[in-house]
C-alpha atoms as a PDB file:
ATOM      1  CA  MET A   1       6.063   1.942 -32.217  1.00  0.00           C
ATOM      2  CA  SER A   2       2.630   3.086 -31.026  1.00  0.00           C
ATOM      3  CA  ASN A   3       1.984   2.607 -27.328  1.00  0.00           C
ATOM      4  CA  ASN A   4      -1.387   0.822 -27.329  1.00  0.00           C
ATOM      5  CA  ILE A   5      -2.387   0.237 -23.713  1.00  0.00           C
ATOM      6  CA  ALA A   6      -5.245  -1.814 -22.263  1.00  0.00           C
ATOM      7  CA  PHE A   7      -6.016  -0.105 -18.958  1.00  0.00           C
ATOM      8  CA  PHE A   8      -7.743  -2.338 -16.367  1.00  0.00           C
ATOM      9  CA  ASP A   9      -9.706  -1.663 -13.165  1.00  0.00           C
ATOM     10  CA  THR A  10     -10.330   1.958 -14.021  1.00  0.00           C
ATOM     11  CA  LYS A  11     -12.244   4.494 -11.992  1.00  0.00           C
ATOM     12  CA  PRO A  12     -13.264   8.034 -13.012  1.00  0.00           C
ATOM     13  CA  TYR A  13     -10.273   9.542 -11.195  1.00  0.00           C
ATOM     14  CA  ASP A  14      -7.885   7.229 -13.098  1.00  0.00           C
ATOM     15  CA  ARG A  15      -9.260   8.356 -16.455  1.00  0.00           C
ATOM     16  CA  GLN A  16      -9.113  12.017 -15.477  1.00  0.00           C
ATOM     17  CA  SER A  17      -5.497  11.942 -14.294  1.00  0.00           C
ATOM     18  CA  PHE A  18      -4.189   9.749 -17.128  1.00  0.00           C
ATOM     19  CA  ASP A  19      -6.046  11.651 -19.851  1.00  0.00           C
ATOM     20  CA  SER A  20      -4.577  14.890 -18.546  1.00  0.00           C
ATOM     21  CA  VAL A  21      -0.986  13.616 -18.370  1.00  0.00           C
ATOM     22  CA  ASN A  22      -1.277  11.655 -21.631  1.00  0.00           C
ATOM     23  CA  ARG A  23      -1.569  14.905 -23.583  1.00  0.00           C
ATOM     24  CA  GLY A  24       2.204  15.040 -23.306  1.00  0.00           C
ATOM     25  CA  TYR A  25       2.765  11.387 -24.280  1.00  0.00           C
ATOM     26  CA  GLY A  26       0.236  10.577 -26.989  1.00  0.00           C
ATOM     27  CA  ALA A  27      -0.314   6.950 -25.998  1.00  0.00           C
ATOM     28  CA  SER A  28      -3.419   5.133 -27.195  1.00  0.00           C
ATOM     29  CA  ILE A  29      -5.346   4.113 -24.066  1.00  0.00           C
ATOM     30  CA  THR A  30      -8.443   1.918 -23.892  1.00  0.00           C
ATOM     31  CA  TYR A  31     -10.049   1.864 -20.457  1.00  0.00           C
ATOM     32  CA  PHE A  32     -11.755  -1.195 -18.993  1.00  0.00           C
ATOM     33  CA  ASP A  33     -13.734  -1.147 -15.747  1.00  0.00           C
ATOM     34  CA  ALA A  34     -13.049  -4.838 -15.103  1.00  0.00           C
ATOM     35  CA  HIS A  35     -10.130  -6.263 -13.143  1.00  0.00           C
ATOM     36  CA  LEU A  36      -7.425  -8.033 -15.124  1.00  0.00           C
ATOM     37  CA  ASP A  37      -7.724 -11.765 -14.482  1.00  0.00           C
ATOM     38  CA  ILE A  38      -8.150 -15.010 -16.383  1.00  0.00           C
ATOM     39  CA  ASN A  39     -11.723 -14.035 -17.307  1.00  0.00           C
ATOM     40  CA  THR A  40     -10.818 -10.648 -18.816  1.00  0.00           C
ATOM     41  CA  VAL A  41      -7.385 -11.279 -20.318  1.00  0.00           C
ATOM     42  CA  ASN A  42      -9.169 -12.111 -23.586  1.00  0.00           C
ATOM     43  CA  LEU A  43      -9.702  -8.358 -23.982  1.00  0.00           C
ATOM     44  CA  THR A  44      -5.989  -7.817 -24.663  1.00  0.00           C
ATOM     45  CA  PRO A  45      -5.395  -8.957 -28.300  1.00  0.00           C
ATOM     46  CA  GLY A  46      -4.293  -5.936 -30.317  1.00  0.00           C
ATOM     47  CA  PHE A  47      -2.609  -4.247 -27.362  1.00  0.00           C
ATOM     48  CA  ASN A  48       1.132  -4.235 -26.760  1.00  0.00           C
ATOM     49  CA  ALA A  49       0.899  -3.143 -23.113  1.00  0.00           C
ATOM     50  CA  VAL A  50      -1.479  -3.520 -20.187  1.00  0.00           C
ATOM     51  CA  CYS A  51      -1.786  -1.207 -17.198  1.00  0.00           C
ATOM     52  CA  ALA A  52      -2.818  -2.938 -13.971  1.00  0.00           C
ATOM     53  CA  PHE A  53      -3.473  -2.069 -10.338  1.00  0.00           C
ATOM     54  CA  VAL A  54      -3.123  -3.729  -6.927  1.00  0.00           C
ATOM     55  CA  ASN A  55      -6.219  -5.936  -7.085  1.00  0.00           C
ATOM     56  CA  ASP A  56      -5.611  -7.273 -10.592  1.00  0.00           C
ATOM     57  CA  THR A  57      -4.583 -10.929 -10.812  1.00  0.00           C
ATOM     58  CA  ILE A  58      -1.411 -11.380 -12.845  1.00  0.00           C
ATOM     59  CA  ASP A  59      -0.658 -15.027 -12.257  1.00  0.00           C
ATOM     60  CA  ALA A  60       0.966 -17.583 -14.546  1.00  0.00           C
ATOM     61  CA  ALA A  61      -2.244 -18.304 -16.461  1.00  0.00           C
ATOM     62  CA  VAL A  62      -2.855 -14.618 -17.146  1.00  0.00           C
ATOM     63  CA  ILE A  63       0.769 -14.055 -18.157  1.00  0.00           C
ATOM     64  CA  ASP A  64       0.647 -17.018 -20.551  1.00  0.00           C
ATOM     65  CA  GLN A  65      -2.400 -15.497 -22.250  1.00  0.00           C
ATOM     66  CA  LEU A  66      -0.898 -11.993 -22.331  1.00  0.00           C
ATOM     67  CA  VAL A  67       2.190 -13.316 -24.078  1.00  0.00           C
ATOM     68  CA  GLU A  68       0.083 -15.290 -26.538  1.00  0.00           C
ATOM     69  CA  ASN A  69      -1.966 -12.154 -27.260  1.00  0.00           C
ATOM     70  CA  GLY A  70       1.167 -10.177 -28.125  1.00  0.00           C
ATOM     71  CA  VAL A  71       1.375  -8.045 -24.979  1.00  0.00           C
ATOM     72  CA  ARG A  72       4.997  -7.131 -24.296  1.00  0.00           C
ATOM     73  CA  LEU A  73       4.753  -4.936 -21.189  1.00  0.00           C
ATOM     74  CA  ILE A  74       2.868  -4.981 -17.890  1.00  0.00           C
ATOM     75  CA  ALA A  75       2.822  -1.452 -16.453  1.00  0.00           C
ATOM     76  CA  LEU A  76       1.766  -1.466 -12.809  1.00  0.00           C
ATOM     77  CA  ARG A  77       0.394   1.874 -11.663  1.00  0.00           C
ATOM     78  CA  CYS A  78       1.298   1.106  -8.051  1.00  0.00           C
ATOM     79  CA  ALA A  79       4.344   0.435  -5.919  1.00  0.00           C
ATOM     80  CA  GLY A  80       3.455  -3.065  -4.728  1.00  0.00           C
ATOM     81  CA  PHE A  81       3.921  -6.054  -7.021  1.00  0.00           C
ATOM     82  CA  ASN A  82       3.001  -9.074  -4.909  1.00  0.00           C
ATOM     83  CA  ASN A  83       0.100  -9.818  -7.302  1.00  0.00           C
ATOM     84  CA  VAL A  84       2.519 -10.637 -10.165  1.00  0.00           C
ATOM     85  CA  ASP A  85       4.020 -14.071 -10.826  1.00  0.00           C
ATOM     86  CA  PHE A  86       7.531 -12.968 -11.751  1.00  0.00           C
ATOM     87  CA  LYS A  87       8.747 -16.496 -12.271  1.00  0.00           C
ATOM     88  CA  ALA A  88       6.157 -16.886 -15.039  1.00  0.00           C
ATOM     89  CA  ALA A  89       7.020 -13.460 -16.459  1.00  0.00           C
ATOM     90  CA  PHE A  90      10.802 -13.905 -16.545  1.00  0.00           C
ATOM     91  CA  ARG A  91      12.274 -13.645 -20.051  1.00  0.00           C
ATOM     92  CA  ARG A  92       8.774 -13.502 -21.513  1.00  0.00           C
ATOM     93  CA  ILE A  93       7.233 -10.148 -20.615  1.00  0.00           C
ATOM     94  CA  HIS A  94       8.579  -7.011 -18.937  1.00  0.00           C
ATOM     95  CA  VAL A  95       7.072  -5.580 -15.761  1.00  0.00           C
ATOM     96  CA  VAL A  96       7.463  -1.986 -14.600  1.00  0.00           C
ATOM     97  CA  ARG A  97       5.978  -0.204 -11.618  1.00  0.00           C
ATOM     98  CA  VAL A  98       5.624   3.166  -9.884  1.00  0.00           C
ATOM     99  CA  PRO A  99       8.063   2.836  -6.957  1.00  0.00           C
ATOM    100  CA  ALA A 100       7.049   6.128  -5.358  1.00  0.00           C
ATOM    101  CA  TYR A 101       4.440   8.757  -6.090  1.00  0.00           C
ATOM    102  CA  SER A 102       3.689  10.666  -2.904  1.00  0.00           C
ATOM    103  CA  PRO A 103       5.173   9.178   0.252  1.00  0.00           C
ATOM    104  CA  HIS A 104       3.774  12.187   2.092  1.00  0.00           C
ATOM    105  CA  ALA A 105       0.232  11.157   1.116  1.00  0.00           C
ATOM    106  CA  VAL A 106       0.526   7.687   2.654  1.00  0.00           C
ATOM    107  CA  ALA A 107       2.335   8.875   5.787  1.00  0.00           C
ATOM    108  CA  GLU A 108      -0.189  11.645   6.342  1.00  0.00           C
ATOM    109  CA  HIS A 109      -3.058   9.169   6.014  1.00  0.00           C
ATOM    110  CA  ALA A 110      -1.396   6.884   8.560  1.00  0.00           C
ATOM    111  CA  LEU A 111      -1.229   9.885  10.876  1.00  0.00           C
ATOM    112  CA  ALA A 112      -4.924  10.603  10.227  1.00  0.00           C
ATOM    113  CA  LEU A 113      -5.761   7.060  11.319  1.00  0.00           C
ATOM    114  CA  ILE A 114      -3.691   7.485  14.489  1.00  0.00           C
ATOM    115  CA  MET A 115      -5.261  10.829  15.360  1.00  0.00           C
ATOM    116  CA  SER A 116      -8.799   9.633  14.665  1.00  0.00           C
ATOM    117  CA  LEU A 117      -8.395   6.468  16.722  1.00  0.00           C
ATOM    118  CA  ASN A 118      -6.733   8.334  19.564  1.00  0.00           C
ATOM    119  CA  ARG A 119      -8.987  11.381  19.822  1.00  0.00           C
ATOM    120  CA  LYS A 120     -12.042   9.627  18.321  1.00  0.00           C
ATOM    121  CA  THR A 121     -12.907  12.565  16.088  1.00  0.00           C
ATOM    122  CA  HIS A 122     -14.939  10.324  13.749  1.00  0.00           C
ATOM    123  CA  LYS A 123     -17.160   9.328  16.655  1.00  0.00           C
ATOM    124  CA  ALA A 124     -17.414  12.914  17.946  1.00  0.00           C
ATOM    125  CA  TYR A 125     -18.524  14.054  14.484  1.00  0.00           C
ATOM    126  CA  SER A 126     -21.339  11.491  14.413  1.00  0.00           C
ATOM    127  CA  ARG A 127     -22.422  12.378  17.943  1.00  0.00           C
ATOM    128  CA  THR A 128     -22.633  16.115  17.450  1.00  0.00           C
ATOM    129  CA  ARG A 129     -24.481  15.656  14.142  1.00  0.00           C
ATOM    130  CA  ASP A 130     -27.138  13.844  16.200  1.00  0.00           C
ATOM    131  CA  GLY A 131     -27.198  16.561  18.848  1.00  0.00           C
ATOM    132  CA  ASN A 132     -25.179  14.527  21.374  1.00  0.00           C
ATOM    133  CA  PHE A 133     -22.478  16.745  22.887  1.00  0.00           C
ATOM    134  CA  SER A 134     -21.279  14.339  25.562  1.00  0.00           C
ATOM    135  CA  ILE A 135     -17.544  13.615  25.615  1.00  0.00           C
ATOM    136  CA  ASN A 136     -17.907  10.438  27.641  1.00  0.00           C
ATOM    137  CA  GLY A 137     -16.030   7.606  25.934  1.00  0.00           C
ATOM    138  CA  LEU A 138     -13.891   9.930  23.801  1.00  0.00           C
ATOM    139  CA  LEU A 139     -10.825   9.959  26.064  1.00  0.00           C
ATOM    140  CA  GLY A 140      -7.495   9.948  24.228  1.00  0.00           C
ATOM    141  CA  PHE A 141      -3.833  10.247  25.189  1.00  0.00           C
ATOM    142  CA  ASP A 142      -1.002  12.691  24.595  1.00  0.00           C
ATOM    143  CA  MET A 143       1.157  11.476  21.738  1.00  0.00           C
ATOM    144  CA  HIS A 144       4.018  13.627  22.995  1.00  0.00           C
ATOM    145  CA  GLY A 145       6.500  11.464  24.870  1.00  0.00           C
ATOM    146  CA  LYS A 146       5.012   8.169  23.687  1.00  0.00           C
ATOM    147  CA  THR A 147       6.979   5.636  21.621  1.00  0.00           C
ATOM    148  CA  ALA A 148       6.175   4.822  18.003  1.00  0.00           C
ATOM    149  CA  GLY A 149       7.535   1.798  16.176  1.00  0.00           C
ATOM    150  CA  ILE A 150       7.985   2.245  12.428  1.00  0.00           C
ATOM    151  CA  ILE A 151       8.532  -0.950  10.443  1.00  0.00           C
ATOM    152  CA  GLY A 152      10.090  -0.071   7.096  1.00  0.00           C
ATOM    153  CA  THR A 153      12.181   3.054   6.523  1.00  0.00           C
ATOM    154  CA  GLY A 154      11.721   3.597   2.811  1.00  0.00           C
ATOM    155  CA  LYS A 155      10.378   6.903   1.556  1.00  0.00           C
ATOM    156  CA  ILE A 156       7.007   6.517   3.282  1.00  0.00           C
ATOM    157  CA  GLY A 157       8.523   5.290   6.537  1.00  0.00           C
ATOM    158  CA  ARG A 158      10.942   8.206   6.558  1.00  0.00           C
ATOM    159  CA  CYS A 159       8.107  10.696   6.122  1.00  0.00           C
ATOM    160  CA  MET A 160       6.252   9.025   8.972  1.00  0.00           C
ATOM    161  CA  ILE A 161       9.295   9.215  11.229  1.00  0.00           C
ATOM    162  CA  GLU A 162       9.693  12.939  10.648  1.00  0.00           C
ATOM    163  CA  ILE A 163       5.987  13.564  11.260  1.00  0.00           C
ATOM    164  CA  LEU A 164       5.961  11.673  14.548  1.00  0.00           C
ATOM    165  CA  LEU A 165       9.186  13.284  15.714  1.00  0.00           C
ATOM    166  CA  GLY A 166       7.392  16.574  15.153  1.00  0.00           C
ATOM    167  CA  PHE A 167       4.776  15.427  17.660  1.00  0.00           C
ATOM    168  CA  GLY A 168       7.506  14.886  20.232  1.00  0.00           C
ATOM    169  CA  MET A 169       7.302  11.113  20.080  1.00  0.00           C
ATOM    170  CA  LYS A 170      10.185   8.731  20.549  1.00  0.00           C
ATOM    171  CA  VAL A 171      10.647   6.690  17.385  1.00  0.00           C
ATOM    172  CA  LEU A 172      12.065   3.201  17.065  1.00  0.00           C
ATOM    173  CA  ALA A 173      12.436   1.868  13.533  1.00  0.00           C
ATOM    174  CA  PHE A 174      13.215  -1.447  11.912  1.00  0.00           C
ATOM    175  CA  ASP A 175      14.443  -2.090   8.406  1.00  0.00           C
ATOM    176  CA  LYS A 176      16.326  -5.023   7.004  1.00  0.00           C
ATOM    177  CA  HIS A 177      18.592  -2.513   5.261  1.00  0.00           C
ATOM    178  CA  ARG A 178      19.381   0.261   7.708  1.00  0.00           C
ATOM    179  CA  ASP A 179      20.380   3.721   6.545  1.00  0.00           C
ATOM    180  CA  PRO A 180      22.778   5.281   9.085  1.00  0.00           C
ATOM    181  CA  SER A 181      22.310   8.714   7.514  1.00  0.00           C
ATOM    182  CA  LEU A 182      18.629   8.641   8.447  1.00  0.00           C
ATOM    183  CA  ALA A 183      19.398   8.266  12.132  1.00  0.00           C
ATOM    184  CA  PHE A 184      22.077  10.935  11.861  1.00  0.00           C
ATOM    185  CA  ALA A 185      19.712  13.396  10.160  1.00  0.00           C
ATOM    186  CA  SER A 186      16.887  12.841  12.646  1.00  0.00           C
ATOM    187  CA  SER A 187      16.674  14.027  16.221  1.00  0.00           C
ATOM    188  CA  ALA A 188      17.983  12.171  19.246  1.00  0.00           C
ATOM    189  CA  ASN A 189      14.501  10.652  19.695  1.00  0.00           C
ATOM    190  CA  PHE A 190      15.027   8.332  16.713  1.00  0.00           C
ATOM    191  CA  GLN A 191      16.946   5.074  16.639  1.00  0.00           C
ATOM    192  CA  TYR A 192      16.964   1.768  14.790  1.00  0.00           C
ATOM    193  CA  ALA A 193      15.943  -1.258  16.844  1.00  0.00           C
ATOM    194  CA  GLU A 194      15.228  -4.950  16.502  1.00  0.00           C
ATOM    195  CA  LEU A 195      11.648  -6.053  15.936  1.00  0.00           C
ATOM    196  CA  LYS A 196      11.379  -7.618  19.382  1.00  0.00           C
ATOM    197  CA  ASP A 197      12.241  -4.274  20.963  1.00  0.00           C
ATOM    198  CA  ILE A 198       9.763  -2.410  18.769  1.00  0.00           C
ATOM    199  CA  TYR A 199       7.017  -4.845  19.762  1.00  0.00           C
ATOM    200  CA  ALA A 200       7.884  -4.604  23.454  1.00  0.00           C
ATOM    201  CA  LYS A 201       8.291  -0.829  23.728  1.00  0.00           C
ATOM    202  CA  SER A 202       5.962   0.812  21.195  1.00  0.00           C
ATOM    203  CA  ASP A 203       2.659   2.462  22.057  1.00  0.00           C
ATOM    204  CA  ILE A 204       1.898   2.762  18.342  1.00  0.00           C
ATOM    205  CA  ILE A 205       3.202   0.465  15.592  1.00  0.00           C
ATOM    206  CA  SER A 206       2.911   1.583  11.964  1.00  0.00           C
ATOM    207  CA  LEU A 207       3.686  -0.748   9.051  1.00  0.00           C
ATOM    208  CA  HIS A 208       5.439   0.658   5.973  1.00  0.00           C
ATOM    209  CA  CYS A 209       7.273  -2.355   4.560  1.00  0.00           C
ATOM    210  CA  PRO A 210       6.637  -4.325   1.360  1.00  0.00           C
ATOM    211  CA  LEU A 211       4.859  -7.676   1.342  1.00  0.00           C
ATOM    212  CA  THR A 212       7.364 -10.470   0.836  1.00  0.00           C
ATOM    213  CA  PRO A 213       7.469 -14.112   1.959  1.00  0.00           C
ATOM    214  CA  GLU A 214       9.506 -12.863   4.909  1.00  0.00           C
ATOM    215  CA  THR A 215       7.036 -10.158   5.977  1.00  0.00           C
ATOM    216  CA  GLU A 216       3.766 -11.993   5.274  1.00  0.00           C
ATOM    217  CA  HIS A 217       1.818 -12.282   8.554  1.00  0.00           C
ATOM    218  CA  MET A 218       4.643 -10.627  10.478  1.00  0.00           C
ATOM    219  CA  ILE A 219       1.908  -9.414  12.826  1.00  0.00           C
ATOM    220  CA  ASN A 220       0.570 -12.685  14.191  1.00  0.00           C
ATOM    221  CA  ALA A 221      -0.433 -14.292  17.490  1.00  0.00           C
ATOM    222  CA  ARG A 222       3.181 -14.730  18.565  1.00  0.00           C
ATOM    223  CA  THR A 223       4.292 -11.173  17.791  1.00  0.00           C
ATOM    224  CA  ILE A 224       1.124  -9.625  19.206  1.00  0.00           C
ATOM    225  CA  GLU A 225       1.838 -11.415  22.470  1.00  0.00           C
ATOM    226  CA  GLN A 226       5.187  -9.569  22.623  1.00  0.00           C
ATOM    227  CA  MET A 227       3.526  -6.146  22.365  1.00  0.00           C
ATOM    228  CA  LYS A 228       2.584  -3.673  25.074  1.00  0.00           C
ATOM    229  CA  PRO A 229      -0.989  -3.996  26.368  1.00  0.00           C
ATOM    230  CA  GLY A 230      -3.231  -1.530  24.551  1.00  0.00           C
ATOM    231  CA  VAL A 231      -0.896  -1.048  21.581  1.00  0.00           C
ATOM    232  CA  MET A 232      -2.275   0.728  18.509  1.00  0.00           C
ATOM    233  CA  ILE A 233      -1.497  -0.956  15.172  1.00  0.00           C
ATOM    234  CA  ILE A 234      -1.620   0.981  11.903  1.00  0.00           C
ATOM    235  CA  ASN A 235      -1.326  -0.665   8.478  1.00  0.00           C
ATOM    236  CA  THR A 236      -1.109   1.396   5.291  1.00  0.00           C
ATOM    237  CA  GLY A 237       1.231  -1.114   3.625  1.00  0.00           C
ATOM    238  CA  ARG A 238      -0.208  -4.438   2.485  1.00  0.00           C
ATOM    239  CA  GLY A 239      -3.076  -6.376   4.038  1.00  0.00           C
ATOM    240  CA  LYS A 240      -1.220  -9.657   4.428  1.00  0.00           C
ATOM    241  CA  LEU A 241       1.366  -8.098   6.709  1.00  0.00           C
ATOM    242  CA  ILE A 242      -1.228  -8.797   9.409  1.00  0.00           C
ATOM    243  CA  GLN A 243      -2.833 -12.159  10.149  1.00  0.00           C
ATOM    244  CA  THR A 244      -6.446 -11.038  10.518  1.00  0.00           C
ATOM    245  CA  ALA A 245      -7.562 -13.819  12.852  1.00  0.00           C
ATOM    246  CA  ALA A 246      -4.751 -12.944  15.267  1.00  0.00           C
ATOM    247  CA  LEU A 247      -5.629  -9.250  15.059  1.00  0.00           C
ATOM    248  CA  ILE A 248      -9.265 -10.001  15.928  1.00  0.00           C
ATOM    249  CA  HIS A 249      -8.192 -12.138  18.882  1.00  0.00           C
ATOM    250  CA  GLY A 250      -5.873  -9.359  20.081  1.00  0.00           C
ATOM    251  CA  LEU A 251      -8.734  -6.863  19.901  1.00  0.00           C
ATOM    252  CA  LYS A 252     -11.128  -9.184  21.745  1.00  0.00           C
ATOM    253  CA  THR A 253      -8.644  -9.756  24.566  1.00  0.00           C
ATOM    254  CA  LYS A 254      -7.805  -6.006  24.654  1.00  0.00           C
ATOM    255  CA  LYS A 255      -4.128  -6.729  24.061  1.00  0.00           C
ATOM    256  CA  ILE A 256      -4.577  -4.443  21.050  1.00  0.00           C
ATOM    257  CA  GLY A 257      -6.095  -1.122  22.027  1.00  0.00           C
ATOM    258  CA  ALA A 258      -6.919   0.075  18.527  1.00  0.00           C
ATOM    259  CA  ALA A 259      -6.268  -0.744  14.875  1.00  0.00           C
ATOM    260  CA  GLY A 260      -6.251   1.500  11.830  1.00  0.00           C
ATOM    261  CA  LEU A 261      -6.306  -0.376   8.536  1.00  0.00           C
ATOM    262  CA  ASP A 262      -6.141   1.096   5.057  1.00  0.00           C
ATOM    263  CA  VAL A 263      -5.499  -2.394   3.663  1.00  0.00           C
ATOM    264  CA  TYR A 264      -6.929  -5.819   4.409  1.00  0.00           C
ATOM    265  CA  GLU A 265      -5.816  -9.396   3.752  1.00  0.00           C
ATOM    266  CA  GLU A 266      -8.690 -10.276   1.416  1.00  0.00           C
ATOM    267  CA  GLU A 267      -9.493  -6.809   0.147  1.00  0.00           C
ATOM    268  CA  SER A 268      -9.632  -7.516  -3.591  1.00  0.00           C
ATOM    269  CA  ASP A 269     -13.368  -8.274  -3.655  1.00  0.00           C
ATOM    270  CA  TYR A 270     -14.313  -5.138  -1.737  1.00  0.00           C
ATOM    271  CA  PHE A 271     -11.846  -2.274  -1.726  1.00  0.00           C
ATOM    272  CA  PHE A 272     -12.337   0.407  -4.418  1.00  0.00           C
ATOM    273  CA  GLU A 273     -15.882  -0.910  -5.019  1.00  0.00           C
ATOM    274  CA  ASP A 274     -19.333   0.224  -3.816  1.00  0.00           C
ATOM    275  CA  LYS A 275     -20.833  -2.710  -1.908  1.00  0.00           C
ATOM    276  CA  SER A 276     -23.260  -0.639   0.156  1.00  0.00           C
ATOM    277  CA  THR A 277     -26.344  -2.438  -1.162  1.00  0.00           C
ATOM    278  CA  GLU A 278     -24.924  -5.939  -0.691  1.00  0.00           C
ATOM    279  CA  ILE A 279     -24.510  -8.283   2.254  1.00  0.00           C
ATOM    280  CA  LEU A 280     -20.920  -8.495   3.429  1.00  0.00           C
ATOM    281  CA  THR A 281     -19.923 -12.145   3.015  1.00  0.00           C
ATOM    282  CA  ASP A 282     -16.382 -11.841   4.376  1.00  0.00           C
ATOM    283  CA  ASP A 283     -16.896 -12.842   8.017  1.00  0.00           C
ATOM    284  CA  MET A 284     -13.557 -11.483   9.234  1.00  0.00           C
ATOM    285  CA  LEU A 285     -14.023  -8.104   7.582  1.00  0.00           C
ATOM    286  CA  ALA A 286     -17.549  -7.955   8.965  1.00  0.00           C
ATOM    287  CA  ARG A 287     -16.204  -8.785  12.430  1.00  0.00           C
ATOM    288  CA  LEU A 288     -13.558  -6.067  12.250  1.00  0.00           C
ATOM    289  CA  LEU A 289     -16.215  -3.503  11.346  1.00  0.00           C
ATOM    290  CA  THR A 290     -18.061  -4.234  14.604  1.00  0.00           C
ATOM    291  CA  PHE A 291     -15.174  -3.114  16.820  1.00  0.00           C
ATOM    292  CA  PRO A 292     -15.533   0.496  18.038  1.00  0.00           C
ATOM    293  CA  ASN A 293     -11.740   0.788  18.250  1.00  0.00           C
ATOM    294  CA  VAL A 294     -11.085  -0.252  14.638  1.00  0.00           C
ATOM    295  CA  LEU A 295     -11.012   2.257  11.795  1.00  0.00           C
ATOM    296  CA  ILE A 296     -10.934   0.873   8.247  1.00  0.00           C
ATOM    297  CA  THR A 297     -10.452   2.921   5.102  1.00  0.00           C
ATOM    298  CA  SER A 298     -10.598   1.515   1.591  1.00  0.00           C
ATOM    299  CA  HIS A 299      -6.956   1.639   0.430  1.00  0.00           C
ATOM    300  CA  GLN A 300      -7.109   5.418   0.050  1.00  0.00           C
ATOM    301  CA  ALA A 301      -3.827   6.411   1.693  1.00  0.00           C
ATOM    302  CA  PHE A 302      -2.263   7.201  -1.694  1.00  0.00           C
ATOM    303  CA  PHE A 303      -5.299   9.162  -2.864  1.00  0.00           C
ATOM    304  CA  THR A 304      -4.231  12.783  -3.309  1.00  0.00           C
ATOM    305  CA  ALA A 305      -4.200  14.940  -6.426  1.00  0.00           C
ATOM    306  CA  GLU A 306      -0.409  15.075  -6.324  1.00  0.00           C
ATOM    307  CA  ALA A 307      -0.097  11.307  -6.037  1.00  0.00           C
ATOM    308  CA  LEU A 308      -2.515  10.606  -8.904  1.00  0.00           C
ATOM    309  CA  ARG A 309      -0.568  12.905 -11.189  1.00  0.00           C
ATOM    310  CA  GLY A 310       2.714  11.304 -10.113  1.00  0.00           C
ATOM    311  CA  ILE A 311       1.328   7.831 -10.806  1.00  0.00           C
ATOM    312  CA  ALA A 312       0.190   8.834 -14.286  1.00  0.00           C
ATOM    313  CA  GLU A 313       3.482  10.575 -15.096  1.00  0.00           C
ATOM    314  CA  THR A 314       5.656   7.652 -14.006  1.00  0.00           C
ATOM    315  CA  THR A 315       3.446   4.993 -15.609  1.00  0.00           C
ATOM    316  CA  LEU A 316       3.365   6.693 -19.001  1.00  0.00           C
ATOM    317  CA  GLN A 317       7.094   7.433 -18.817  1.00  0.00           C
ATOM    318  CA  ASN A 318       7.717   3.743 -18.058  1.00  0.00           C
ATOM    319  CA  VAL A 319       5.730   2.766 -21.159  1.00  0.00           C
ATOM    320  CA  LYS A 320       7.551   5.321 -23.294  1.00  0.00           C
ATOM    321  CA  GLU A 321      10.969   4.109 -22.112  1.00  0.00           C
ATOM    322  CA  PHE A 322      10.099   0.541 -23.031  1.00  0.00           C
ATOM    323  CA  PHE A 323       8.886   1.274 -26.542  1.00  0.00           C
ATOM    324  CA  ASP A 324      11.743   3.717 -27.148  1.00  0.00           C
ATOM    325  CA  GLY A 325      14.125   0.841 -26.339  1.00  0.00           C
ATOM    326  CA  GLY A 326      15.805   2.672 -23.498  1.00  0.00           C
ATOM    327  CA  TYR A 327      16.855   1.732 -19.988  1.00  0.00           C
ATOM    328  CA  LEU A 328      13.854   0.819 -17.836  1.00  0.00           C
ATOM    329  CA  GLN A 329      14.535   2.566 -14.553  1.00  0.00           C
ATOM    330  CA  ASN A 330      11.470   1.046 -12.867  1.00  0.00           C
ATOM    331  CA  GLU A 331      11.625  -2.523 -14.176  1.00  0.00           C
ATOM    332  CA  ILE A 332      11.289  -5.411 -11.746  1.00  0.00           C
ATOM    333  CA  CYS A 333      12.104  -9.014 -12.483  1.00  0.00           C
ATOM    334  CA  TYR A 334      12.374 -12.507 -11.070  1.00  0.00           C
ATOM    335  CA  GLN A 335      16.127 -12.714 -11.590  1.00  0.00           C
ATOM    336  CA  CYS A 336      17.308  -9.684  -9.645  1.00  0.00           C
ATOM    337  CA  GLY A 337      14.375  -9.450  -7.236  1.00  0.00           C
ATOM    338  CA  GLY A 338      14.025  -5.732  -7.710  1.00  0.00           C
ATOM    339  CA  THR A 339      14.860  -3.056 -10.207  1.00  0.00           C
ATOM    340  CA  CYS A 340      17.139  -4.341 -12.941  1.00  0.00           C
ATOM    341  CA  LEU A 341      20.882  -3.690 -12.922  1.00  0.00           C
ATOM    342  CA  LYS A 342      20.697   0.001 -12.111  1.00  0.00           C
ATOM    343  CA  LYS A 343      24.438   0.552 -12.204  1.00  0.00           C
ATOM    344  CA  GLU A 344      24.857  -0.821 -15.724  1.00  0.00           C
ATOM    345  CA  LYS A 345      21.572   0.779 -16.864  1.00  0.00           C
ATOM    346  CA  LYS A 346      20.472  -2.209 -18.891  1.00  0.00           C
ATOM    347  CA  ARG A 347      17.844  -4.875 -18.569  1.00  0.00           C
ATOM    348  CA  CYS A 348      18.387  -8.205 -16.870  1.00  0.00           C
ATOM    349  CA  PHE A 349      17.198  -9.842 -20.113  1.00  0.00           C
END
């Protein structure tokens, strides 16, 4: 069967990477600039698959229309899937994702946020471009010997741990599912800990866990109160891991010394888009941008040439596996809560 894919929320770099990789797959791809939502789902009749990204809305209403239009597969070209209503999708349409593309890319971007906030290189660049060579106000701290708290020890979290150990930091990590081999393989400066200990002891906290009902707003007024004064918080995971109002309050009271955000709670209307000629109507985002100790990037942590190629390869392989009738190694579903029955190598339904 021909793989006829409606590709939503496309940018020039998406088209370039997918067109290049698709030479080896031969899928029929139609690119749409628009996000997938209830207003654009009417573009999907005649397609048997859709490819969606993090800011597409794949709720029950959209899924109902996709099914009615004959779409059989939702191929997410991202790792996160909190924008999909899996209860509505169950037994009606298959959903696959890209569980990992370049964990190094995301971890390295998290490090870039830390280094920039600490040594204020972004501010120094602007100063010297204007002929101001003063270093007043650019004071940083030695990372060596400080404690980092890593929340989530999947592939990205593991990369981050190794990077920070290389800086001579002490690393505490939390994961609901601990991997003893990780602690064994790392240096003596790494250990698993409970969240309360990470909050209390960490100079830098970096979030690398998925967004689930359990982790939503895990950084809130209560948990911020448990943290060390002047803590730096880094989020390259999902925006809703942090309650923005609590973050702003922590910054205003100086409980939080700095924040580096590659994601934001209500990012879907802004991130990946050029809004430079428009008035920013999101009051909380506008407030965050006024803080000199906050650095926001537009969900670009994944954005390397290697990662884009990996995303395209895995996405098109996922589509091929589905239409070839084989085992879907990257399927996710409502029933099993993750990838489907890996040991038996068959679908949940």
